[in-house]
């Protein structure tokens, strides 16, 4: 994997935590392929007829007991990596038996944030911590769910009119890559690791394709990482240009370590439209 030295100093341990978490999730993907085998569906037909991500149409059949087991192990991972929040993690662990993981799975798939806000109040725990732990515990299963569709997404028959939204799980994409061959743009979902093609000179948020309103910006001596900016909707998209260094990179980690680009874009008045 290509090593990238961020031009801006990141907090100590910041990247190490996310790298360790990705490794944990990768190991869980390997383990759970043996016990979680969701049915494959006709992705192109379903999203073309519904104009909604696959996961919103075809449920992932996640067994609550499997998710519960994953969640407990993720909390153990958090205790190992972040011992300073042991009290908060222990408070969640002490209420595990009162958590309905079938309902949690269904609410997560529907992105029902109100459910998790109420759950956090009921458990008297931090909403941010509760949702973070559930989100990252379920990701190995979502990545297994998404794996069979990689070939469909690269097919000439694939068409998706909402390029900023993952066509498989419905999450918002925050980073993309330009491949080494022809510079094709591929959006990336850091939740289920899906990639899908999108037009190059085009705003993935508002559809603007006027060259005069779209440009890119990067930090000196950091040519591989860029911001694509749209002056029409004031949107920004982080981009890794493989052509600059001639190698792929881990886009999950790249999205984390390029937080300085988010800060730069927001300081200039641009948004990734997360609140839309």
C-alpha atoms as a PDB file:
ATOM      1  CA  UNK A   1       0.000   0.000   0.000  1.00  0.00           C
ATOM      2  CA  UNK A   2       1.244   3.443  -0.918  1.00  0.00           C
ATOM      3  CA  UNK A   3       2.360   5.502   2.039  1.00  0.00           C
ATOM      4  CA  UNK A   4       1.248   9.117   2.104  1.00  0.00           C
ATOM      5  CA  UNK A   5       2.746  11.665   4.459  1.00  0.00           C
ATOM      6  CA  UNK A   6       0.077  14.278   5.187  1.00  0.00           C
ATOM      7  CA  UNK A   7       1.383  17.827   4.723  1.00  0.00           C
ATOM      8  CA  UNK A   8      -0.475  18.791   7.906  1.00  0.00           C
ATOM      9  CA  UNK A   9       0.394  17.291  11.298  1.00  0.00           C
ATOM     10  CA  UNK A  10      -2.415  15.054  12.544  1.00  0.00           C
ATOM     11  CA  UNK A  11      -3.129  14.368  16.261  1.00  0.00           C
ATOM     12  CA  UNK A  12      -0.937  11.665  17.777  1.00  0.00           C
ATOM     13  CA  UNK A  13      -2.496   8.222  17.405  1.00  0.00           C
ATOM     14  CA  UNK A  14      -5.265   9.507  15.100  1.00  0.00           C
ATOM     15  CA  UNK A  15      -4.298   7.494  12.019  1.00  0.00           C
ATOM     16  CA  UNK A  16      -3.091   4.496  14.016  1.00  0.00           C
ATOM     17  CA  UNK A  17      -6.550   4.081  15.537  1.00  0.00           C
ATOM     18  CA  UNK A  18      -8.332   4.050  12.178  1.00  0.00           C
ATOM     19  CA  UNK A  19      -5.749   1.727  10.651  1.00  0.00           C
ATOM     20  CA  UNK A  20      -6.206  -0.694  13.545  1.00  0.00           C
ATOM     21  CA  UNK A  21      -9.975  -0.454  13.165  1.00  0.00           C
ATOM     22  CA  UNK A  22      -9.809  -1.188   9.443  1.00  0.00           C
ATOM     23  CA  UNK A  23      -7.601  -4.215  10.156  1.00  0.00           C
ATOM     24  CA  UNK A  24     -10.126  -5.428  12.746  1.00  0.00           C
ATOM     25  CA  UNK A  25     -12.964  -5.027  10.250  1.00  0.00           C
ATOM     26  CA  UNK A  26     -11.016  -6.808   7.502  1.00  0.00           C
ATOM     27  CA  UNK A  27     -10.433  -9.768   9.816  1.00  0.00           C
ATOM     28  CA  UNK A  28     -14.126  -9.872  10.673  1.00  0.00           C
ATOM     29  CA  UNK A  29     -15.043  -9.860   6.984  1.00  0.00           C
ATOM     30  CA  UNK A  30     -12.891 -12.959   6.469  1.00  0.00           C
ATOM     31  CA  UNK A  31     -14.458 -14.706   9.493  1.00  0.00           C
ATOM     32  CA  UNK A  32     -18.048 -13.851   8.622  1.00  0.00           C
ATOM     33  CA  UNK A  33     -17.928 -14.895   4.981  1.00  0.00           C
ATOM     34  CA  UNK A  34     -18.327 -18.414   6.388  1.00  0.00           C
ATOM     35  CA  UNK A  35     -21.536 -17.673   8.303  1.00  0.00           C
ATOM     36  CA  UNK A  36     -23.123 -14.763   6.419  1.00  0.00           C
ATOM     37  CA  UNK A  37     -24.079 -15.447   2.796  1.00  0.00           C
ATOM     38  CA  UNK A  38     -26.771 -12.991   1.669  1.00  0.00           C
ATOM     39  CA  UNK A  39     -28.583 -13.695  -1.592  1.00  0.00           C
ATOM     40  CA  UNK A  40     -27.438 -11.808  -4.697  1.00  0.00           C
ATOM     41  CA  UNK A  41     -29.997  -9.751  -6.591  1.00  0.00           C
ATOM     42  CA  UNK A  42     -30.191  -7.981  -9.943  1.00  0.00           C
ATOM     43  CA  UNK A  43     -28.621  -4.683  -8.914  1.00  0.00           C
ATOM     44  CA  UNK A  44     -29.173  -2.840 -12.215  1.00  0.00           C
ATOM     45  CA  UNK A  45     -32.819  -3.810 -12.479  1.00  0.00           C
ATOM     46  CA  UNK A  46     -33.661  -2.962  -8.877  1.00  0.00           C
ATOM     47  CA  UNK A  47     -32.008   0.464  -8.722  1.00  0.00           C
ATOM     48  CA  UNK A  48     -33.232   1.394 -12.221  1.00  0.00           C
ATOM     49  CA  UNK A  49     -36.856   0.686 -11.329  1.00  0.00           C
ATOM     50  CA  UNK A  50     -36.808   2.143  -7.803  1.00  0.00           C
ATOM     51  CA  UNK A  51     -34.142   4.859  -8.097  1.00  0.00           C
ATOM     52  CA  UNK A  52     -33.137   3.894  -4.548  1.00  0.00           C
ATOM     53  CA  UNK A  53     -30.004   2.123  -3.228  1.00  0.00           C
ATOM     54  CA  UNK A  54     -30.153  -1.653  -3.197  1.00  0.00           C
ATOM     55  CA  UNK A  55     -30.056  -1.971   0.594  1.00  0.00           C
ATOM     56  CA  UNK A  56     -33.231   0.093   0.910  1.00  0.00           C
ATOM     57  CA  UNK A  57     -35.040  -2.309  -1.403  1.00  0.00           C
ATOM     58  CA  UNK A  58     -33.547  -5.710  -0.561  1.00  0.00           C
ATOM     59  CA  UNK A  59     -32.866  -6.233   3.128  1.00  0.00           C
ATOM     60  CA  UNK A  60     -29.462  -7.719   4.052  1.00  0.00           C
ATOM     61  CA  UNK A  61     -30.895 -10.534   6.229  1.00  0.00           C
ATOM     62  CA  UNK A  62     -28.527  -9.752   9.091  1.00  0.00           C
ATOM     63  CA  UNK A  63     -29.173 -12.057  12.028  1.00  0.00           C
ATOM     64  CA  UNK A  64     -29.380 -10.081  15.273  1.00  0.00           C
ATOM     65  CA  UNK A  65     -27.299 -12.669  17.134  1.00  0.00           C
ATOM     66  CA  UNK A  66     -24.462 -12.305  14.607  1.00  0.00           C
ATOM     67  CA  UNK A  67     -24.554  -8.516  14.940  1.00  0.00           C
ATOM     68  CA  UNK A  68     -24.662  -8.765  18.739  1.00  0.00           C
ATOM     69  CA  UNK A  69     -21.544 -10.938  18.761  1.00  0.00           C
ATOM     70  CA  UNK A  70     -19.769  -8.530  16.402  1.00  0.00           C
ATOM     71  CA  UNK A  71     -20.798  -5.576  18.535  1.00  0.00           C
ATOM     72  CA  UNK A  72     -19.442  -7.086  21.735  1.00  0.00           C
ATOM     73  CA  UNK A  73     -16.115  -7.788  20.041  1.00  0.00           C
ATOM     74  CA  UNK A  74     -15.986  -4.259  18.656  1.00  0.00           C
ATOM     75  CA  UNK A  75     -16.539  -2.826  22.120  1.00  0.00           C
ATOM     76  CA  UNK A  76     -13.600  -4.970  23.298  1.00  0.00           C
ATOM     77  CA  UNK A  77     -11.540  -3.532  20.437  1.00  0.00           C
ATOM     78  CA  UNK A  78     -12.493  -0.008  21.557  1.00  0.00           C
ATOM     79  CA  UNK A  79     -11.462  -0.779  25.131  1.00  0.00           C
ATOM     80  CA  UNK A  80      -8.085  -1.963  23.906  1.00  0.00           C
ATOM     81  CA  UNK A  81      -7.542   1.034  21.641  1.00  0.00           C
ATOM     82  CA  UNK A  82      -9.159   3.723  23.785  1.00  0.00           C
ATOM     83  CA  UNK A  83      -8.755   2.757  27.465  1.00  0.00           C
ATOM     84  CA  UNK A  84      -9.482   6.355  28.465  1.00  0.00           C
ATOM     85  CA  UNK A  85     -13.182   5.855  27.580  1.00  0.00           C
ATOM     86  CA  UNK A  86     -13.546   2.592  29.517  1.00  0.00           C
ATOM     87  CA  UNK A  87     -16.301   3.992  31.743  1.00  0.00           C
ATOM     88  CA  UNK A  88     -18.455   4.920  28.728  1.00  0.00           C
ATOM     89  CA  UNK A  89     -17.815   1.588  26.988  1.00  0.00           C
ATOM     90  CA  UNK A  90     -18.553  -0.371  30.157  1.00  0.00           C
ATOM     91  CA  UNK A  91     -21.849   1.482  30.497  1.00  0.00           C
ATOM     92  CA  UNK A  92     -22.866   0.247  27.055  1.00  0.00           C
ATOM     93  CA  UNK A  93     -21.586  -3.294  27.685  1.00  0.00           C
ATOM     94  CA  UNK A  94     -23.627  -3.523  30.889  1.00  0.00           C
ATOM     95  CA  UNK A  95     -26.805  -2.944  28.848  1.00  0.00           C
ATOM     96  CA  UNK A  96     -26.076  -5.297  25.947  1.00  0.00           C
ATOM     97  CA  UNK A  97     -28.810  -7.762  26.971  1.00  0.00           C
ATOM     98  CA  UNK A  98     -31.446  -5.008  26.782  1.00  0.00           C
ATOM     99  CA  UNK A  99     -30.452  -4.061  23.203  1.00  0.00           C
ATOM    100  CA  UNK A 100     -32.599  -5.517  20.398  1.00  0.00           C
ATOM    101  CA  UNK A 101     -30.076  -6.209  17.642  1.00  0.00           C
ATOM    102  CA  UNK A 102     -32.682  -7.221  15.072  1.00  0.00           C
ATOM    103  CA  UNK A 103     -34.300  -3.816  15.562  1.00  0.00           C
ATOM    104  CA  UNK A 104     -30.897  -2.105  15.590  1.00  0.00           C
ATOM    105  CA  UNK A 105     -29.999  -3.728  12.268  1.00  0.00           C
ATOM    106  CA  UNK A 106     -33.325  -2.757  10.663  1.00  0.00           C
ATOM    107  CA  UNK A 107     -33.073   0.841  11.925  1.00  0.00           C
ATOM    108  CA  UNK A 108     -29.479   1.162  10.730  1.00  0.00           C
ATOM    109  CA  UNK A 109     -30.392  -0.060   7.238  1.00  0.00           C
ATOM    110  CA  UNK A 110     -33.157   2.540   7.113  1.00  0.00           C
ATOM    111  CA  UNK A 111     -30.718   5.165   8.466  1.00  0.00           C
ATOM    112  CA  UNK A 112     -33.296   5.943  11.130  1.00  0.00           C
ATOM    113  CA  UNK A 113     -31.265   8.347  13.248  1.00  0.00           C
ATOM    114  CA  UNK A 114     -34.235   9.128  15.475  1.00  0.00           C
ATOM    115  CA  UNK A 115     -34.237   5.513  16.658  1.00  0.00           C
ATOM    116  CA  UNK A 116     -30.586   5.744  17.733  1.00  0.00           C
ATOM    117  CA  UNK A 117     -31.115   9.114  19.393  1.00  0.00           C
ATOM    118  CA  UNK A 118     -33.921   7.611  21.489  1.00  0.00           C
ATOM    119  CA  UNK A 119     -31.844   4.509  22.235  1.00  0.00           C
ATOM    120  CA  UNK A 120     -28.976   6.663  23.497  1.00  0.00           C
ATOM    121  CA  UNK A 121     -31.369   8.537  25.805  1.00  0.00           C
ATOM    122  CA  UNK A 122     -32.857   5.282  27.092  1.00  0.00           C
ATOM    123  CA  UNK A 123     -29.389   3.872  27.786  1.00  0.00           C
ATOM    124  CA  UNK A 124     -28.151   7.236  29.127  1.00  0.00           C
ATOM    125  CA  UNK A 125     -25.051   7.101  26.933  1.00  0.00           C
ATOM    126  CA  UNK A 126     -23.485   9.404  24.353  1.00  0.00           C
ATOM    127  CA  UNK A 127     -25.346   9.279  21.035  1.00  0.00           C
ATOM    128  CA  UNK A 128     -22.116   9.885  19.102  1.00  0.00           C
ATOM    129  CA  UNK A 129     -20.322   6.991  20.797  1.00  0.00           C
ATOM    130  CA  UNK A 130     -23.309   4.632  20.545  1.00  0.00           C
ATOM    131  CA  UNK A 131     -23.844   5.263  16.845  1.00  0.00           C
ATOM    132  CA  UNK A 132     -20.109   5.133  16.090  1.00  0.00           C
ATOM    133  CA  UNK A 133     -19.779   1.715  17.701  1.00  0.00           C
ATOM    134  CA  UNK A 134     -22.879   0.298  15.995  1.00  0.00           C
ATOM    135  CA  UNK A 135     -21.871   1.773  12.643  1.00  0.00           C
ATOM    136  CA  UNK A 136     -18.384   0.268  12.690  1.00  0.00           C
ATOM    137  CA  UNK A 137     -19.475  -3.067  14.136  1.00  0.00           C
ATOM    138  CA  UNK A 138     -21.966  -3.639  11.315  1.00  0.00           C
ATOM    139  CA  UNK A 139     -19.610  -2.593   8.503  1.00  0.00           C
ATOM    140  CA  UNK A 140     -17.952  -6.018   8.015  1.00  0.00           C
ATOM    141  CA  UNK A 141     -21.399  -7.457   7.224  1.00  0.00           C
ATOM    142  CA  UNK A 142     -22.240  -4.621   4.841  1.00  0.00           C
ATOM    143  CA  UNK A 143     -18.953  -5.188   3.021  1.00  0.00           C
ATOM    144  CA  UNK A 144     -19.780  -8.872   2.591  1.00  0.00           C
ATOM    145  CA  UNK A 145     -23.243  -7.872   1.358  1.00  0.00           C
ATOM    146  CA  UNK A 146     -21.696  -5.528  -1.234  1.00  0.00           C
ATOM    147  CA  UNK A 147     -18.971  -7.866  -2.539  1.00  0.00           C
ATOM    148  CA  UNK A 148     -21.052  -9.729  -5.180  1.00  0.00           C
ATOM    149  CA  UNK A 149     -21.958  -6.491  -6.974  1.00  0.00           C
ATOM    150  CA  UNK A 150     -18.462  -5.318  -7.933  1.00  0.00           C
ATOM    151  CA  UNK A 151     -18.717  -6.747 -11.433  1.00  0.00           C
ATOM    152  CA  UNK A 152     -22.192  -5.238 -11.948  1.00  0.00           C
ATOM    153  CA  UNK A 153     -20.890  -1.819 -10.928  1.00  0.00           C
ATOM    154  CA  UNK A 154     -18.095  -1.957 -13.496  1.00  0.00           C
ATOM    155  CA  UNK A 155     -20.403  -3.104 -16.308  1.00  0.00           C
ATOM    156  CA  UNK A 156     -21.317  -0.810 -19.208  1.00  0.00           C
ATOM    157  CA  UNK A 157     -24.947  -1.544 -18.307  1.00  0.00           C
ATOM    158  CA  UNK A 158     -24.606   0.098 -14.904  1.00  0.00           C
ATOM    159  CA  UNK A 159     -26.296   3.478 -14.531  1.00  0.00           C
ATOM    160  CA  UNK A 160     -26.913   5.429 -11.317  1.00  0.00           C
ATOM    161  CA  UNK A 161     -28.142   9.001 -11.295  1.00  0.00           C
ATOM    162  CA  UNK A 162     -27.103   9.881  -7.729  1.00  0.00           C
ATOM    163  CA  UNK A 163     -23.290   9.696  -7.891  1.00  0.00           C
ATOM    164  CA  UNK A 164     -22.679  11.048  -4.372  1.00  0.00           C
ATOM    165  CA  UNK A 165     -24.764   8.225  -2.847  1.00  0.00           C
ATOM    166  CA  UNK A 166     -23.617   4.608  -2.685  1.00  0.00           C
ATOM    167  CA  UNK A 167     -25.905   2.552  -4.968  1.00  0.00           C
ATOM    168  CA  UNK A 168     -25.536  -0.468  -2.676  1.00  0.00           C
ATOM    169  CA  UNK A 169     -25.902   0.792   0.921  1.00  0.00           C
ATOM    170  CA  UNK A 170     -27.059   4.401   0.457  1.00  0.00           C
ATOM    171  CA  UNK A 171     -24.226   6.080   2.378  1.00  0.00           C
ATOM    172  CA  UNK A 172     -22.765   9.419   1.296  1.00  0.00           C
ATOM    173  CA  UNK A 173     -19.408   9.242  -0.475  1.00  0.00           C
ATOM    174  CA  UNK A 174     -16.728  11.697   0.658  1.00  0.00           C
ATOM    175  CA  UNK A 175     -13.799  10.708  -1.547  1.00  0.00           C
ATOM    176  CA  UNK A 176     -13.152   9.328  -5.009  1.00  0.00           C
ATOM    177  CA  UNK A 177     -10.225   8.265  -7.142  1.00  0.00           C
ATOM    178  CA  UNK A 178      -9.104   8.900 -10.710  1.00  0.00           C
ATOM    179  CA  UNK A 179      -7.656   5.699 -12.118  1.00  0.00           C
ATOM    180  CA  UNK A 180      -4.251   5.404 -13.732  1.00  0.00           C
ATOM    181  CA  UNK A 181      -5.553   4.272 -17.110  1.00  0.00           C
ATOM    182  CA  UNK A 182      -7.928   6.874 -18.512  1.00  0.00           C
ATOM    183  CA  UNK A 183      -8.576   9.045 -15.472  1.00  0.00           C
ATOM    184  CA  UNK A 184     -12.043   7.562 -14.939  1.00  0.00           C
ATOM    185  CA  UNK A 185     -13.549   8.799 -11.691  1.00  0.00           C
ATOM    186  CA  UNK A 186     -14.687   6.164  -9.200  1.00  0.00           C
ATOM    187  CA  UNK A 187     -16.650   7.172  -6.134  1.00  0.00           C
ATOM    188  CA  UNK A 188     -15.892   5.278  -2.915  1.00  0.00           C
ATOM    189  CA  UNK A 189     -18.140   4.285  -0.008  1.00  0.00           C
ATOM    190  CA  UNK A 190     -16.196   3.931   3.231  1.00  0.00           C
ATOM    191  CA  UNK A 191     -19.072   2.031   4.855  1.00  0.00           C
ATOM    192  CA  UNK A 192     -19.422  -0.950   2.465  1.00  0.00           C
ATOM    193  CA  UNK A 193     -16.278  -0.362   0.324  1.00  0.00           C
ATOM    194  CA  UNK A 194     -18.291  -0.149  -2.894  1.00  0.00           C
ATOM    195  CA  UNK A 195     -16.854   1.788  -5.854  1.00  0.00           C
ATOM    196  CA  UNK A 196     -18.890   3.069  -8.795  1.00  0.00           C
ATOM    197  CA  UNK A 197     -18.076   5.194 -11.845  1.00  0.00           C
ATOM    198  CA  UNK A 198     -18.969   8.874 -12.128  1.00  0.00           C
ATOM    199  CA  UNK A 199     -18.310  11.536 -14.746  1.00  0.00           C
ATOM    200  CA  UNK A 200     -15.098  13.541 -14.439  1.00  0.00           C
ATOM    201  CA  UNK A 201     -16.091  17.142 -15.220  1.00  0.00           C
ATOM    202  CA  UNK A 202     -19.292  17.028 -13.243  1.00  0.00           C
ATOM    203  CA  UNK A 203     -20.531  17.975  -9.761  1.00  0.00           C
ATOM    204  CA  UNK A 204     -21.710  14.812  -8.028  1.00  0.00           C
ATOM    205  CA  UNK A 205     -24.039  16.853  -5.827  1.00  0.00           C
ATOM    206  CA  UNK A 206     -25.936  19.202  -8.155  1.00  0.00           C
ATOM    207  CA  UNK A 207     -25.125  17.825 -11.609  1.00  0.00           C
ATOM    208  CA  UNK A 208     -23.404  20.999 -12.789  1.00  0.00           C
ATOM    209  CA  UNK A 209     -21.122  20.272 -15.750  1.00  0.00           C
ATOM    210  CA  UNK A 210     -20.119  23.792 -16.734  1.00  0.00           C
ATOM    211  CA  UNK A 211     -16.320  23.889 -16.850  1.00  0.00           C
ATOM    212  CA  UNK A 212     -16.228  27.536 -15.734  1.00  0.00           C
ATOM    213  CA  UNK A 213     -17.915  26.594 -12.447  1.00  0.00           C
ATOM    214  CA  UNK A 214     -15.818  23.525 -11.593  1.00  0.00           C
ATOM    215  CA  UNK A 215     -12.149  23.541 -10.667  1.00  0.00           C
ATOM    216  CA  UNK A 216      -9.718  21.721  -8.452  1.00  0.00           C
ATOM    217  CA  UNK A 217      -7.480  22.834  -5.632  1.00  0.00           C
ATOM    218  CA  UNK A 218      -4.642  21.126  -3.805  1.00  0.00           C
ATOM    219  CA  UNK A 219      -1.979  21.889  -1.226  1.00  0.00           C
ATOM    220  CA  UNK A 220       1.580  22.530  -2.400  1.00  0.00           C
ATOM    221  CA  UNK A 221       3.664  19.329  -2.688  1.00  0.00           C
ATOM    222  CA  UNK A 222       0.516  17.206  -2.343  1.00  0.00           C
ATOM    223  CA  UNK A 223      -0.463  16.761  -5.998  1.00  0.00           C
ATOM    224  CA  UNK A 224      -2.079  13.341  -5.558  1.00  0.00           C
ATOM    225  CA  UNK A 225      -4.818  14.662  -3.259  1.00  0.00           C
ATOM    226  CA  UNK A 226      -7.161  17.294  -4.597  1.00  0.00           C
ATOM    227  CA  UNK A 227     -10.398  19.098  -3.906  1.00  0.00           C
ATOM    228  CA  UNK A 228     -12.888  19.318  -6.762  1.00  0.00           C
ATOM    229  CA  UNK A 229     -15.007  22.414  -6.120  1.00  0.00           C
ATOM    230  CA  UNK A 230     -18.358  23.449  -7.599  1.00  0.00           C
ATOM    231  CA  UNK A 231     -19.165  27.147  -7.538  1.00  0.00           C
ATOM    232  CA  UNK A 232     -22.830  26.499  -8.310  1.00  0.00           C
ATOM    233  CA  UNK A 233     -23.773  24.507  -5.180  1.00  0.00           C
ATOM    234  CA  UNK A 234     -20.563  25.218  -3.207  1.00  0.00           C
ATOM    235  CA  UNK A 235     -19.897  21.491  -2.929  1.00  0.00           C
ATOM    236  CA  UNK A 236     -16.477  19.874  -2.592  1.00  0.00           C
ATOM    237  CA  UNK A 237     -15.253  16.342  -3.276  1.00  0.00           C
ATOM    238  CA  UNK A 238     -11.933  14.936  -2.096  1.00  0.00           C
ATOM    239  CA  UNK A 239     -10.069  13.120  -4.846  1.00  0.00           C
ATOM    240  CA  UNK A 240      -7.056  10.839  -5.037  1.00  0.00           C
ATOM    241  CA  UNK A 241      -5.420  10.987  -8.476  1.00  0.00           C
ATOM    242  CA  UNK A 242      -3.682   7.659  -9.084  1.00  0.00           C
ATOM    243  CA  UNK A 243      -1.990   9.149 -12.142  1.00  0.00           C
ATOM    244  CA  UNK A 244       0.097  11.426  -9.934  1.00  0.00           C
ATOM    245  CA  UNK A 245       1.942   8.586  -8.197  1.00  0.00           C
ATOM    246  CA  UNK A 246       1.004   5.706 -10.468  1.00  0.00           C
ATOM    247  CA  UNK A 247      -0.322   3.537  -7.624  1.00  0.00           C
ATOM    248  CA  UNK A 248      -3.616   2.815  -5.871  1.00  0.00           C
ATOM    249  CA  UNK A 249      -4.114   3.643  -2.221  1.00  0.00           C
ATOM    250  CA  UNK A 250      -6.376   2.654   0.666  1.00  0.00           C
ATOM    251  CA  UNK A 251      -9.243   5.104   0.195  1.00  0.00           C
ATOM    252  CA  UNK A 252     -10.673   4.417   3.650  1.00  0.00           C
ATOM    253  CA  UNK A 253      -7.449   5.642   5.265  1.00  0.00           C
ATOM    254  CA  UNK A 254      -6.963   8.351   2.631  1.00  0.00           C
ATOM    255  CA  UNK A 255     -10.337   9.816   3.571  1.00  0.00           C
ATOM    256  CA  UNK A 256      -9.303   9.917   7.237  1.00  0.00           C
ATOM    257  CA  UNK A 257      -5.830  11.355   6.747  1.00  0.00           C
ATOM    258  CA  UNK A 258      -6.984  14.101   4.354  1.00  0.00           C
ATOM    259  CA  UNK A 259      -9.098  15.820   7.002  1.00  0.00           C
ATOM    260  CA  UNK A 260      -6.944  18.867   6.270  1.00  0.00           C
ATOM    261  CA  UNK A 261      -8.653  19.084   2.861  1.00  0.00           C
ATOM    262  CA  UNK A 262     -12.070  19.128   4.549  1.00  0.00           C
ATOM    263  CA  UNK A 263     -10.887  21.986   6.750  1.00  0.00           C
ATOM    264  CA  UNK A 264      -9.470  23.888   3.773  1.00  0.00           C
ATOM    265  CA  UNK A 265     -12.684  23.486   1.755  1.00  0.00           C
ATOM    266  CA  UNK A 266     -14.923  24.508   4.641  1.00  0.00           C
ATOM    267  CA  UNK A 267     -12.762  27.549   5.403  1.00  0.00           C
ATOM    268  CA  UNK A 268     -13.344  28.641   1.796  1.00  0.00           C
ATOM    269  CA  UNK A 269     -17.108  28.255   2.171  1.00  0.00           C
ATOM    270  CA  UNK A 270     -17.608  24.844   0.533  1.00  0.00           C
ATOM    271  CA  UNK A 271     -19.524  21.857   1.896  1.00  0.00           C
ATOM    272  CA  UNK A 272     -19.724  18.106   1.322  1.00  0.00           C
ATOM    273  CA  UNK A 273     -23.516  18.414   1.704  1.00  0.00           C
ATOM    274  CA  UNK A 274     -23.657  15.929   4.580  1.00  0.00           C
ATOM    275  CA  UNK A 275     -26.536  17.857   6.119  1.00  0.00           C
ATOM    276  CA  UNK A 276     -28.656  17.866   2.958  1.00  0.00           C
END
